[in-house]
PDB file of all heavy atoms in Angstrom:
ATOM      1  N   MET A   1     -13.970  -7.165 -19.547  1.00  0.00           N
ATOM      2  CA  MET A   1     -13.726  -8.124 -18.474  1.00  0.00           C
ATOM      3  C   MET A   1     -14.634  -8.016 -17.256  1.00  0.00           C
ATOM      4  O   MET A   1     -14.617  -8.903 -16.389  1.00  0.00           O
ATOM      5  CB  MET A   1     -12.263  -8.028 -18.047  1.00  0.00           C
ATOM      6  CG  MET A   1     -11.251  -8.436 -19.104  1.00  0.00           C
ATOM      7  SD  MET A   1      -9.544  -8.208 -18.546  1.00  0.00           S
ATOM      8  CE  MET A   1      -8.660  -8.833 -19.997  1.00  0.00           C
ATOM      9  N   TYR A   2     -15.392  -6.906 -17.156  1.00  0.00           N
ATOM     10  CA  TYR A   2     -16.305  -6.770 -15.993  1.00  0.00           C
ATOM     11  C   TYR A   2     -17.669  -6.320 -16.560  1.00  0.00           C
ATOM     12  O   TYR A   2     -17.872  -5.119 -16.815  1.00  0.00           O
ATOM     13  CB  TYR A   2     -15.796  -5.716 -15.019  1.00  0.00           C
ATOM     14  CG  TYR A   2     -16.590  -5.657 -13.763  1.00  0.00           C
ATOM     15  CD1 TYR A   2     -16.258  -6.385 -12.657  1.00  0.00           C
ATOM     16  CD2 TYR A   2     -17.735  -4.832 -13.712  1.00  0.00           C
ATOM     17  CE1 TYR A   2     -17.000  -6.329 -11.497  1.00  0.00           C
ATOM     18  CE2 TYR A   2     -18.509  -4.766 -12.518  1.00  0.00           C
ATOM     19  CZ  TYR A   2     -18.136  -5.504 -11.456  1.00  0.00           C
ATOM     20  OH  TYR A   2     -18.885  -5.451 -10.299  1.00  0.00           O
ATOM     21  N   PRO A   3     -18.567  -7.254 -16.783  1.00  0.00           N
ATOM     22  CA  PRO A   3     -19.861  -6.926 -17.336  1.00  0.00           C
ATOM     23  C   PRO A   3     -20.662  -5.997 -16.332  1.00  0.00           C
ATOM     24  O   PRO A   3     -20.849  -6.284 -15.219  1.00  0.00           O
ATOM     25  CB  PRO A   3     -20.593  -8.279 -17.435  1.00  0.00           C
ATOM     26  CG  PRO A   3     -19.485  -9.302 -17.447  1.00  0.00           C
ATOM     27  CD  PRO A   3     -18.409  -8.722 -16.560  1.00  0.00           C
ATOM     28  N   ILE A   4     -21.075  -4.843 -16.878  1.00  0.00           N
ATOM     29  CA  ILE A   4     -21.873  -3.915 -16.075  1.00  0.00           C
ATOM     30  C   ILE A   4     -23.342  -4.141 -16.433  1.00  0.00           C
ATOM     31  O   ILE A   4     -23.699  -4.218 -17.593  1.00  0.00           O
ATOM     32  CB  ILE A   4     -21.447  -2.480 -16.420  1.00  0.00           C
ATOM     33  CG1 ILE A   4     -19.995  -2.260 -16.102  1.00  0.00           C
ATOM     34  CG2 ILE A   4     -22.318  -1.474 -15.625  1.00  0.00           C
ATOM     35  CD1 ILE A   4     -19.460  -0.864 -16.509  1.00  0.00           C
ATOM     36  N   PRO A   5     -24.185  -4.277 -15.426  1.00  0.00           N
ATOM     37  CA  PRO A   5     -25.619  -4.471 -15.702  1.00  0.00           C
ATOM     38  C   PRO A   5     -26.164  -3.380 -16.616  1.00  0.00           C
ATOM     39  O   PRO A   5     -25.730  -2.229 -16.573  1.00  0.00           O
ATOM     40  CB  PRO A   5     -26.257  -4.391 -14.325  1.00  0.00           C
ATOM     41  CG  PRO A   5     -25.162  -4.782 -13.378  1.00  0.00           C
ATOM     42  CD  PRO A   5     -23.901  -4.248 -13.980  1.00  0.00           C
ATOM     43  N   ASN A   6     -27.122  -3.804 -17.480  1.00  0.00           N
ATOM     44  CA  ASN A   6     -27.666  -2.821 -18.483  1.00  0.00           C
ATOM     45  C   ASN A   6     -28.258  -1.615 -17.874  1.00  0.00           C
ATOM     46  O   ASN A   6     -28.103  -0.479 -18.412  1.00  0.00           O
ATOM     47  CB  ASN A   6     -28.676  -3.524 -19.340  1.00  0.00           C
ATOM     48  CG  ASN A   6     -28.065  -4.578 -20.280  1.00  0.00           C
ATOM     49  OD1 ASN A   6     -26.935  -4.508 -20.605  1.00  0.00           O
ATOM     50  ND2 ASN A   6     -28.890  -5.546 -20.686  1.00  0.00           N
ATOM     51  N   ASP A   7     -28.932  -1.745 -16.718  1.00  0.00           N
ATOM     52  CA  ASP A   7     -29.578  -0.595 -16.131  1.00  0.00           C
ATOM     53  C   ASP A   7     -28.525   0.410 -15.615  1.00  0.00           C
ATOM     54  O   ASP A   7     -28.719   1.619 -15.657  1.00  0.00           O
ATOM     55  CB  ASP A   7     -30.553  -0.953 -15.025  1.00  0.00           C
ATOM     56  CG  ASP A   7     -29.855  -1.734 -13.890  1.00  0.00           C
ATOM     57  OD1 ASP A   7     -28.930  -2.519 -14.159  1.00  0.00           O
ATOM     58  OD2 ASP A   7     -30.278  -1.600 -12.709  1.00  0.00           O
ATOM     59  N   ILE A   8     -27.378  -0.117 -15.127  1.00  0.00           N
ATOM     60  CA  ILE A   8     -26.293   0.763 -14.653  1.00  0.00           C
ATOM     61  C   ILE A   8     -25.659   1.436 -15.865  1.00  0.00           C
ATOM     62  O   ILE A   8     -25.331   2.638 -15.780  1.00  0.00           O
ATOM     63  CB  ILE A   8     -25.252  -0.053 -13.857  1.00  0.00           C
ATOM     64  CG1 ILE A   8     -25.892  -0.712 -12.646  1.00  0.00           C
ATOM     65  CG2 ILE A   8     -24.099   0.805 -13.446  1.00  0.00           C
ATOM     66  CD1 ILE A   8     -26.480   0.289 -11.638  1.00  0.00           C
ATOM     67  N   GLU A   9     -25.436   0.704 -16.951  1.00  0.00           N
ATOM     68  CA  GLU A   9     -24.851   1.331 -18.132  1.00  0.00           C
ATOM     69  C   GLU A   9     -25.753   2.447 -18.633  1.00  0.00           C
ATOM     70  O   GLU A   9     -25.262   3.502 -19.064  1.00  0.00           O
ATOM     71  CB  GLU A   9     -24.633   0.285 -19.227  1.00  0.00           C
ATOM     72  CG  GLU A   9     -23.457  -0.628 -18.969  1.00  0.00           C
ATOM     73  CD  GLU A   9     -22.882  -1.221 -20.232  1.00  0.00           C
ATOM     74  OE1 GLU A   9     -23.593  -1.206 -21.281  1.00  0.00           O
ATOM     75  OE2 GLU A   9     -21.698  -1.712 -20.180  1.00  0.00           O
ATOM     76  N   LEU A  10     -27.068   2.241 -18.627  1.00  0.00           N
ATOM     77  CA  LEU A  10     -27.961   3.257 -19.060  1.00  0.00           C
ATOM     78  C   LEU A  10     -27.853   4.491 -18.178  1.00  0.00           C
ATOM     79  O   LEU A  10     -27.876   5.643 -18.653  1.00  0.00           O
ATOM     80  CB  LEU A  10     -29.404   2.764 -19.066  1.00  0.00           C
ATOM     81  CG  LEU A  10     -30.483   3.682 -19.575  1.00  0.00           C
ATOM     82  CD1 LEU A  10     -30.190   4.057 -21.057  1.00  0.00           C
ATOM     83  CD2 LEU A  10     -31.858   3.072 -19.446  1.00  0.00           C
ATOM     84  N   GLN A  11     -27.706   4.272 -16.856  1.00  0.00           N
ATOM     85  CA  GLN A  11     -27.556   5.364 -15.940  1.00  0.00           C
ATOM     86  C   GLN A  11     -26.268   6.093 -16.224  1.00  0.00           C
ATOM     87  O   GLN A  11     -26.223   7.375 -16.258  1.00  0.00           O
ATOM     88  CB  GLN A  11     -27.565   4.879 -14.503  1.00  0.00           C
ATOM     89  CG  GLN A  11     -27.357   5.987 -13.451  1.00  0.00           C
ATOM     90  CD  GLN A  11     -27.221   5.460 -12.043  1.00  0.00           C
ATOM     91  OE1 GLN A  11     -27.008   4.240 -11.830  1.00  0.00           O
ATOM     92  NE2 GLN A  11     -27.241   6.333 -11.070  1.00  0.00           N
ATOM     93  N   LEU A  12     -25.165   5.387 -16.429  1.00  0.00           N
ATOM     94  CA  LEU A  12     -23.893   5.989 -16.683  1.00  0.00           C
ATOM     95  C   LEU A  12     -23.875   6.788 -17.991  1.00  0.00           C
ATOM     96  O   LEU A  12     -23.308   7.885 -18.067  1.00  0.00           O
ATOM     97  CB  LEU A  12     -22.806   4.925 -16.706  1.00  0.00           C
ATOM     98  CG  LEU A  12     -22.470   4.272 -15.368  1.00  0.00           C
ATOM     99  CD1 LEU A  12     -21.511   3.028 -15.563  1.00  0.00           C
ATOM    100  CD2 LEU A  12     -21.788   5.273 -14.414  1.00  0.00           C
ATOM    101  N   VAL A  13     -24.418   6.238 -19.049  1.00  0.00           N
ATOM    102  CA  VAL A  13     -24.340   6.917 -20.338  1.00  0.00           C
ATOM    103  C   VAL A  13     -25.200   8.186 -20.324  1.00  0.00           C
ATOM    104  O   VAL A  13     -24.918   9.108 -21.098  1.00  0.00           O
ATOM    105  CB  VAL A  13     -24.831   5.959 -21.472  1.00  0.00           C
ATOM    106  CG1 VAL A  13     -26.366   5.906 -21.529  1.00  0.00           C
ATOM    107  CG2 VAL A  13     -24.239   6.389 -22.833  1.00  0.00           C
ATOM    108  N   ASN A  14     -26.142   8.291 -19.396  1.00  0.00           N
ATOM    109  CA  ASN A  14     -26.938   9.511 -19.335  1.00  0.00           C
ATOM    110  C   ASN A  14     -26.528  10.432 -18.177  1.00  0.00           C
ATOM    111  O   ASN A  14     -27.239  11.419 -17.904  1.00  0.00           O
ATOM    112  CB  ASN A  14     -28.390   9.121 -19.152  1.00  0.00           C
ATOM    113  CG  ASN A  14     -29.001   8.581 -20.421  1.00  0.00           C
ATOM    114  OD1 ASN A  14     -29.002   9.223 -21.458  1.00  0.00           O
ATOM    115  ND2 ASN A  14     -29.518   7.324 -20.352  1.00  0.00           N
ATOM    116  N   THR A  15     -25.387  10.132 -17.552  1.00  0.00           N
ATOM    117  CA  THR A  15     -24.865  11.005 -16.499  1.00  0.00           C
ATOM    118  C   THR A  15     -23.811  11.940 -17.061  1.00  0.00           C
ATOM    119  O   THR A  15     -22.854  11.518 -17.718  1.00  0.00           O
ATOM    120  CB  THR A  15     -24.202  10.159 -15.374  1.00  0.00           C
ATOM    121  OG1 THR A  15     -25.199   9.287 -14.805  1.00  0.00           O
ATOM    122  CG2 THR A  15     -23.653  11.038 -14.272  1.00  0.00           C
ATOM    123  N   PRO A  16     -23.967  13.248 -16.836  1.00  0.00           N
ATOM    124  CA  PRO A  16     -22.953  14.217 -17.273  1.00  0.00           C
ATOM    125  C   PRO A  16     -21.579  13.888 -16.739  1.00  0.00           C
ATOM    126  O   PRO A  16     -21.468  13.330 -15.614  1.00  0.00           O
ATOM    127  CB  PRO A  16     -23.491  15.557 -16.787  1.00  0.00           C
ATOM    128  CG  PRO A  16     -24.965  15.367 -16.612  1.00  0.00           C
ATOM    129  CD  PRO A  16     -25.119  13.960 -16.200  1.00  0.00           C
ATOM    130  N   THR A  17     -20.571  14.243 -17.422  1.00  0.00           N
ATOM    131  CA  THR A  17     -19.213  13.917 -16.986  1.00  0.00           C
ATOM    132  C   THR A  17     -18.887  14.343 -15.576  1.00  0.00           C
ATOM    133  O   THR A  17     -18.325  13.543 -14.785  1.00  0.00           O
ATOM    134  CB  THR A  17     -18.184  14.586 -17.938  1.00  0.00           C
ATOM    135  OG1 THR A  17     -18.396  14.088 -19.262  1.00  0.00           O
ATOM    136  CG2 THR A  17     -16.737  14.272 -17.523  1.00  0.00           C
ATOM    137  N   GLU A  18     -19.330  15.530 -15.191  1.00  0.00           N
ATOM    138  CA  GLU A  18     -19.028  16.006 -13.849  1.00  0.00           C
ATOM    139  C   GLU A  18     -19.671  15.249 -12.746  1.00  0.00           C
ATOM    140  O   GLU A  18     -19.249  15.255 -11.589  1.00  0.00           O
ATOM    141  CB  GLU A  18     -19.441  17.503 -13.693  1.00  0.00           C
ATOM    142  CG  GLU A  18     -18.668  18.473 -14.574  1.00  0.00           C
ATOM    143  CD  GLU A  18     -19.146  18.611 -15.962  1.00  0.00           C
ATOM    144  OE1 GLU A  18     -20.027  17.787 -16.377  1.00  0.00           O
ATOM    145  OE2 GLU A  18     -18.710  19.507 -16.694  1.00  0.00           O
ATOM    146  N   GLY A  19     -20.723  14.466 -13.090  1.00  0.00           N
ATOM    147  CA  GLY A  19     -21.432  13.717 -12.071  1.00  0.00           C
ATOM    148  C   GLY A  19     -21.088  12.258 -12.009  1.00  0.00           C
ATOM    149  O   GLY A  19     -21.636  11.514 -11.170  1.00  0.00           O
ATOM    150  N   LEU A  20     -20.177  11.774 -12.858  1.00  0.00           N
ATOM    151  CA  LEU A  20     -19.895  10.331 -12.926  1.00  0.00           C
ATOM    152  C   LEU A  20     -19.348   9.805 -11.612  1.00  0.00           C
ATOM    153  O   LEU A  20     -19.728   8.690 -11.161  1.00  0.00           O
ATOM    154  CB  LEU A  20     -18.830  10.081 -14.035  1.00  0.00           C
ATOM    155  CG  LEU A  20     -19.401  10.134 -15.467  1.00  0.00           C
ATOM    156  CD1 LEU A  20     -18.270  10.011 -16.432  1.00  0.00           C
ATOM    157  CD2 LEU A  20     -20.430   9.011 -15.677  1.00  0.00           C
ATOM    158  N   LYS A  21     -18.476  10.520 -10.922  1.00  0.00           N
ATOM    159  CA  LYS A  21     -17.880  10.013  -9.680  1.00  0.00           C
ATOM    160  C   LYS A  21     -18.914   9.895  -8.576  1.00  0.00           C
ATOM    161  O   LYS A  21     -18.690   9.164  -7.595  1.00  0.00           O
ATOM    162  CB  LYS A  21     -16.736  10.914  -9.211  1.00  0.00           C
ATOM    163  CG  LYS A  21     -15.478  10.750  -9.987  1.00  0.00           C
ATOM    164  CD  LYS A  21     -14.314  11.539  -9.379  1.00  0.00           C
ATOM    165  CE  LYS A  21     -13.940  10.990  -8.047  1.00  0.00           C
ATOM    166  NZ  LYS A  21     -12.764  11.702  -7.439  1.00  0.00           N
ATOM    167  N   ASP A  22     -20.077  10.584  -8.701  1.00  0.00           N
ATOM    168  CA  ASP A  22     -21.057  10.530  -7.633  1.00  0.00           C
ATOM    169  C   ASP A  22     -22.057   9.409  -7.834  1.00  0.00           C
ATOM    170  O   ASP A  22     -22.865   9.148  -6.924  1.00  0.00           O
ATOM    171  CB  ASP A  22     -21.854  11.886  -7.636  1.00  0.00           C
ATOM    172  CG  ASP A  22     -20.974  13.052  -7.327  1.00  0.00           C
ATOM    173  OD1 ASP A  22     -20.016  12.866  -6.505  1.00  0.00           O
ATOM    174  OD2 ASP A  22     -21.182  14.167  -7.858  1.00  0.00           O
ATOM    175  N   VAL A  23     -22.003   8.701  -8.983  1.00  0.00           N
ATOM    176  CA  VAL A  23     -22.877   7.587  -9.182  1.00  0.00           C
ATOM    177  C   VAL A  23     -22.559   6.468  -8.167  1.00  0.00           C
ATOM    178  O   VAL A  23     -21.400   6.139  -7.960  1.00  0.00           O
ATOM    179  CB  VAL A  23     -22.745   7.017 -10.614  1.00  0.00           C
ATOM    180  CG1 VAL A  23     -23.574   5.775 -10.846  1.00  0.00           C
ATOM    181  CG2 VAL A  23     -23.155   8.119 -11.637  1.00  0.00           C
ATOM    182  N   LYS A  24     -23.587   5.921  -7.606  1.00  0.00           N
ATOM    183  CA  LYS A  24     -23.387   4.911  -6.516  1.00  0.00           C
ATOM    184  C   LYS A  24     -22.551   3.764  -6.981  1.00  0.00           C
ATOM    185  O   LYS A  24     -21.694   3.274  -6.251  1.00  0.00           O
ATOM    186  CB  LYS A  24     -24.775   4.429  -6.050  1.00  0.00           C
ATOM    187  CG  LYS A  24     -24.734   3.426  -4.904  1.00  0.00           C
ATOM    188  CD  LYS A  24     -26.156   3.077  -4.465  1.00  0.00           C
ATOM    189  CE  LYS A  24     -26.106   2.050  -3.290  1.00  0.00           C
ATOM    190  NZ  LYS A  24     -27.452   1.640  -2.880  1.00  0.00           N
ATOM    191  N   PHE A  25     -22.758   3.269  -8.206  1.00  0.00           N
ATOM    192  CA  PHE A  25     -22.011   2.155  -8.712  1.00  0.00           C
ATOM    193  C   PHE A  25     -20.529   2.455  -8.776  1.00  0.00           C
ATOM    194  O   PHE A  25     -19.669   1.600  -8.444  1.00  0.00           O
ATOM    195  CB  PHE A  25     -22.503   1.792 -10.116  1.00  0.00           C
ATOM    196  CG  PHE A  25     -21.783   0.704 -10.810  1.00  0.00           C
ATOM    197  CD1 PHE A  25     -21.952  -0.617 -10.467  1.00  0.00           C
ATOM    198  CD2 PHE A  25     -20.846   1.017 -11.812  1.00  0.00           C
ATOM    199  CE1 PHE A  25     -21.239  -1.637 -11.091  1.00  0.00           C
ATOM    200  CE2 PHE A  25     -20.094   0.046 -12.430  1.00  0.00           C
ATOM    201  CZ  PHE A  25     -20.296  -1.314 -12.070  1.00  0.00           C
ATOM    202  N   ILE A  26     -20.184   3.642  -9.159  1.00  0.00           N
ATOM    203  CA  ILE A  26     -18.781   4.049  -9.226  1.00  0.00           C
ATOM    204  C   ILE A  26     -18.177   4.095  -7.822  1.00  0.00           C
ATOM    205  O   ILE A  26     -17.064   3.626  -7.583  1.00  0.00           O
ATOM    206  CB  ILE A  26     -18.609   5.418  -9.959  1.00  0.00           C
ATOM    207  CG1 ILE A  26     -19.192   5.349 -11.360  1.00  0.00           C
ATOM    208  CG2 ILE A  26     -17.145   5.849  -9.948  1.00  0.00           C
ATOM    209  CD1 ILE A  26     -18.531   4.329 -12.281  1.00  0.00           C
ATOM    210  N   GLN A  27     -18.904   4.691  -6.887  1.00  0.00           N
ATOM    211  CA  GLN A  27     -18.423   4.794  -5.558  1.00  0.00           C
ATOM    212  C   GLN A  27     -18.249   3.428  -4.865  1.00  0.00           C
ATOM    213  O   GLN A  27     -17.272   3.169  -4.210  1.00  0.00           O
ATOM    214  CB  GLN A  27     -19.378   5.675  -4.726  1.00  0.00           C
ATOM    215  CG  GLN A  27     -19.355   7.134  -5.076  1.00  0.00           C
ATOM    216  CD  GLN A  27     -18.017   7.791  -4.661  1.00  0.00           C
ATOM    217  OE1 GLN A  27     -17.439   7.497  -3.626  1.00  0.00           O
ATOM    218  NE2 GLN A  27     -17.533   8.668  -5.546  1.00  0.00           N
ATOM    219  N   GLU A  28     -19.168   2.538  -5.097  1.00  0.00           N
ATOM    220  CA  GLU A  28     -19.201   1.229  -4.380  1.00  0.00           C
ATOM    221  C   GLU A  28     -18.415   0.147  -5.084  1.00  0.00           C
ATOM    222  O   GLU A  28     -17.939  -0.746  -4.400  1.00  0.00           O
ATOM    223  CB  GLU A  28     -20.627   0.815  -4.127  1.00  0.00           C
ATOM    224  CG  GLU A  28     -21.431   1.711  -3.230  1.00  0.00           C
ATOM    225  CD  GLU A  28     -22.801   1.241  -2.919  1.00  0.00           C
ATOM    226  OE1 GLU A  28     -23.194   0.174  -3.521  1.00  0.00           O
ATOM    227  OE2 GLU A  28     -23.491   1.840  -2.083  1.00  0.00           O
ATOM    228  N   VAL A  29     -18.318   0.215  -6.381  1.00  0.00           N
ATOM    229  CA  VAL A  29     -17.692  -0.899  -7.132  1.00  0.00           C
ATOM    230  C   VAL A  29     -16.336  -0.450  -7.727  1.00  0.00           C
ATOM    231  O   VAL A  29     -15.285  -1.085  -7.466  1.00  0.00           O
ATOM    232  CB  VAL A  29     -18.590  -1.439  -8.243  1.00  0.00           C
ATOM    233  CG1 VAL A  29     -17.883  -2.606  -8.950  1.00  0.00           C
ATOM    234  CG2 VAL A  29     -19.900  -1.889  -7.641  1.00  0.00           C
ATOM    235  N   ALA A  30     -16.316   0.623  -8.487  1.00  0.00           N
ATOM    236  CA  ALA A  30     -15.091   1.023  -9.135  1.00  0.00           C
ATOM    237  C   ALA A  30     -13.997   1.414  -8.166  1.00  0.00           C
ATOM    238  O   ALA A  30     -12.811   1.232  -8.444  1.00  0.00           O
ATOM    239  CB  ALA A  30     -15.380   2.218 -10.105  1.00  0.00           C
ATOM    240  N   MET A  31     -14.376   1.919  -7.026  1.00  0.00           N
ATOM    241  CA  MET A  31     -13.427   2.411  -6.033  1.00  0.00           C
ATOM    242  C   MET A  31     -12.906   1.303  -5.144  1.00  0.00           C
ATOM    243  O   MET A  31     -12.066   1.497  -4.262  1.00  0.00           O
ATOM    244  CB  MET A  31     -14.027   3.473  -5.136  1.00  0.00           C
ATOM    245  CG  MET A  31     -14.377   4.776  -5.903  1.00  0.00           C
ATOM    246  SD  MET A  31     -12.915   5.554  -6.593  1.00  0.00           S
ATOM    247  CE  MET A  31     -13.625   7.118  -7.144  1.00  0.00           C
ATOM    248  N   GLN A  32     -13.301   0.013  -5.383  1.00  0.00           N
ATOM    249  CA  GLN A  32     -12.829  -1.078  -4.536  1.00  0.00           C
ATOM    250  C   GLN A  32     -11.349  -1.325  -4.666  1.00  0.00           C
ATOM    251  O   GLN A  32     -10.643  -1.531  -3.716  1.00  0.00           O
ATOM    252  CB  GLN A  32     -13.604  -2.358  -4.881  1.00  0.00           C
ATOM    253  CG  GLN A  32     -15.024  -2.406  -4.418  1.00  0.00           C
ATOM    254  CD  GLN A  32     -15.642  -3.752  -4.624  1.00  0.00           C
ATOM    255  OE1 GLN A  32     -14.972  -4.807  -4.500  1.00  0.00           O
ATOM    256  NE2 GLN A  32     -16.931  -3.785  -5.064  1.00  0.00           N
ATOM    257  N   ASN A  33     -10.896  -1.353  -5.903  1.00  0.00           N
ATOM    258  CA  ASN A  33      -9.442  -1.532  -6.161  1.00  0.00           C
ATOM    259  C   ASN A  33      -9.108  -1.017  -7.558  1.00  0.00           C
ATOM    260  O   ASN A  33     -10.019  -0.706  -8.371  1.00  0.00           O
ATOM    261  CB  ASN A  33      -9.022  -2.996  -5.997  1.00  0.00           C
ATOM    262  CG  ASN A  33      -9.717  -3.918  -6.962  1.00  0.00           C
ATOM    263  OD1 ASN A  33      -9.693  -3.750  -8.177  1.00  0.00           O
ATOM    264  ND2 ASN A  33     -10.422  -4.949  -6.405  1.00  0.00           N
ATOM    265  N   SER A  34      -7.844  -0.935  -7.873  1.00  0.00           N
ATOM    266  CA  SER A  34      -7.415  -0.351  -9.170  1.00  0.00           C
ATOM    267  C   SER A  34      -7.852  -1.189 -10.365  1.00  0.00           C
ATOM    268  O   SER A  34      -8.144  -0.617 -11.441  1.00  0.00           O
ATOM    269  CB  SER A  34      -5.914  -0.177  -9.164  1.00  0.00           C
ATOM    270  OG  SER A  34      -5.518   0.768  -8.187  1.00  0.00           O
ATOM    271  N   GLY A  35      -7.928  -2.505 -10.186  1.00  0.00           N
ATOM    272  CA  GLY A  35      -8.355  -3.338 -11.260  1.00  0.00           C
ATOM    273  C   GLY A  35      -9.808  -3.067 -11.660  1.00  0.00           C
ATOM    274  O   GLY A  35     -10.144  -2.918 -12.864  1.00  0.00           O
ATOM    275  N   PHE A  36     -10.703  -3.040 -10.679  1.00  0.00           N
ATOM    276  CA  PHE A  36     -12.098  -2.718 -10.975  1.00  0.00           C
ATOM    277  C   PHE A  36     -12.201  -1.312 -11.546  1.00  0.00           C
ATOM    278  O   PHE A  36     -12.985  -1.104 -12.531  1.00  0.00           O
ATOM    279  CB  PHE A  36     -12.916  -2.790  -9.696  1.00  0.00           C
ATOM    280  CG  PHE A  36     -13.303  -4.205  -9.271  1.00  0.00           C
ATOM    281  CD1 PHE A  36     -13.815  -4.459  -8.008  1.00  0.00           C
ATOM    282  CD2 PHE A  36     -13.166  -5.279 -10.140  1.00  0.00           C
ATOM    283  CE1 PHE A  36     -14.177  -5.736  -7.649  1.00  0.00           C
ATOM    284  CE2 PHE A  36     -13.496  -6.547  -9.771  1.00  0.00           C
ATOM    285  CZ  PHE A  36     -13.991  -6.772  -8.518  1.00  0.00           C
ATOM    286  N   ALA A  37     -11.473  -0.349 -11.018  1.00  0.00           N
ATOM    287  CA  ALA A  37     -11.534   1.017 -11.498  1.00  0.00           C
ATOM    288  C   ALA A  37     -11.173   1.050 -12.982  1.00  0.00           C
ATOM    289  O   ALA A  37     -11.804   1.724 -13.764  1.00  0.00           O
ATOM    290  CB  ALA A  37     -10.632   1.896 -10.677  1.00  0.00           C
ATOM    291  N   TYR A  38     -10.138   0.331 -13.313  1.00  0.00           N
ATOM    292  CA  TYR A  38      -9.611   0.340 -14.699  1.00  0.00           C
ATOM    293  C   TYR A  38     -10.648  -0.301 -15.673  1.00  0.00           C
ATOM    294  O   TYR A  38     -10.958   0.275 -16.709  1.00  0.00           O
ATOM    295  CB  TYR A  38      -8.297  -0.421 -14.779  1.00  0.00           C
ATOM    296  CG  TYR A  38      -7.622  -0.257 -16.124  1.00  0.00           C
ATOM    297  CD1 TYR A  38      -7.014   0.919 -16.477  1.00  0.00           C
ATOM    298  CD2 TYR A  38      -7.540  -1.338 -17.020  1.00  0.00           C
ATOM    299  CE1 TYR A  38      -6.365   1.071 -17.712  1.00  0.00           C
ATOM    300  CE2 TYR A  38      -6.878  -1.227 -18.189  1.00  0.00           C
ATOM    301  CZ  TYR A  38      -6.262  -0.029 -18.577  1.00  0.00           C
ATOM    302  OH  TYR A  38      -5.628   0.109 -19.758  1.00  0.00           O
ATOM    303  N   MET A  39     -11.157  -1.442 -15.303  1.00  0.00           N
ATOM    304  CA  MET A  39     -12.121  -2.155 -16.193  1.00  0.00           C
ATOM    305  C   MET A  39     -13.353  -1.310 -16.412  1.00  0.00           C
ATOM    306  O   MET A  39     -13.837  -1.199 -17.530  1.00  0.00           O
ATOM    307  CB  MET A  39     -12.463  -3.503 -15.602  1.00  0.00           C
ATOM    308  CG  MET A  39     -11.347  -4.515 -15.631  1.00  0.00           C
ATOM    309  SD  MET A  39     -11.829  -6.192 -15.084  1.00  0.00           S
ATOM    310  CE  MET A  39     -11.923  -5.952 -13.312  1.00  0.00           C
ATOM    311  N   ILE A  40     -13.882  -0.726 -15.368  1.00  0.00           N
ATOM    312  CA  ILE A  40     -15.107   0.059 -15.466  1.00  0.00           C
ATOM    313  C   ILE A  40     -14.863   1.345 -16.188  1.00  0.00           C
ATOM    314  O   ILE A  40     -15.701   1.790 -17.018  1.00  0.00           O
ATOM    315  CB  ILE A  40     -15.700   0.294 -14.058  1.00  0.00           C
ATOM    316  CG1 ILE A  40     -16.169  -1.011 -13.466  1.00  0.00           C
ATOM    317  CG2 ILE A  40     -16.840   1.299 -14.043  1.00  0.00           C
ATOM    318  CD1 ILE A  40     -16.483  -0.997 -11.983  1.00  0.00           C
TER     319      ILE A  40
END
């Protein structure tokens, strides 16, 4: 339900688990509300 740009997906898939929360996209988009957090 929330298309993630390909370049962001590539960044996420290559980010170790411990570093996922520090990714800018996660901080700026996923943290906006619970709906976005869940979809992402």
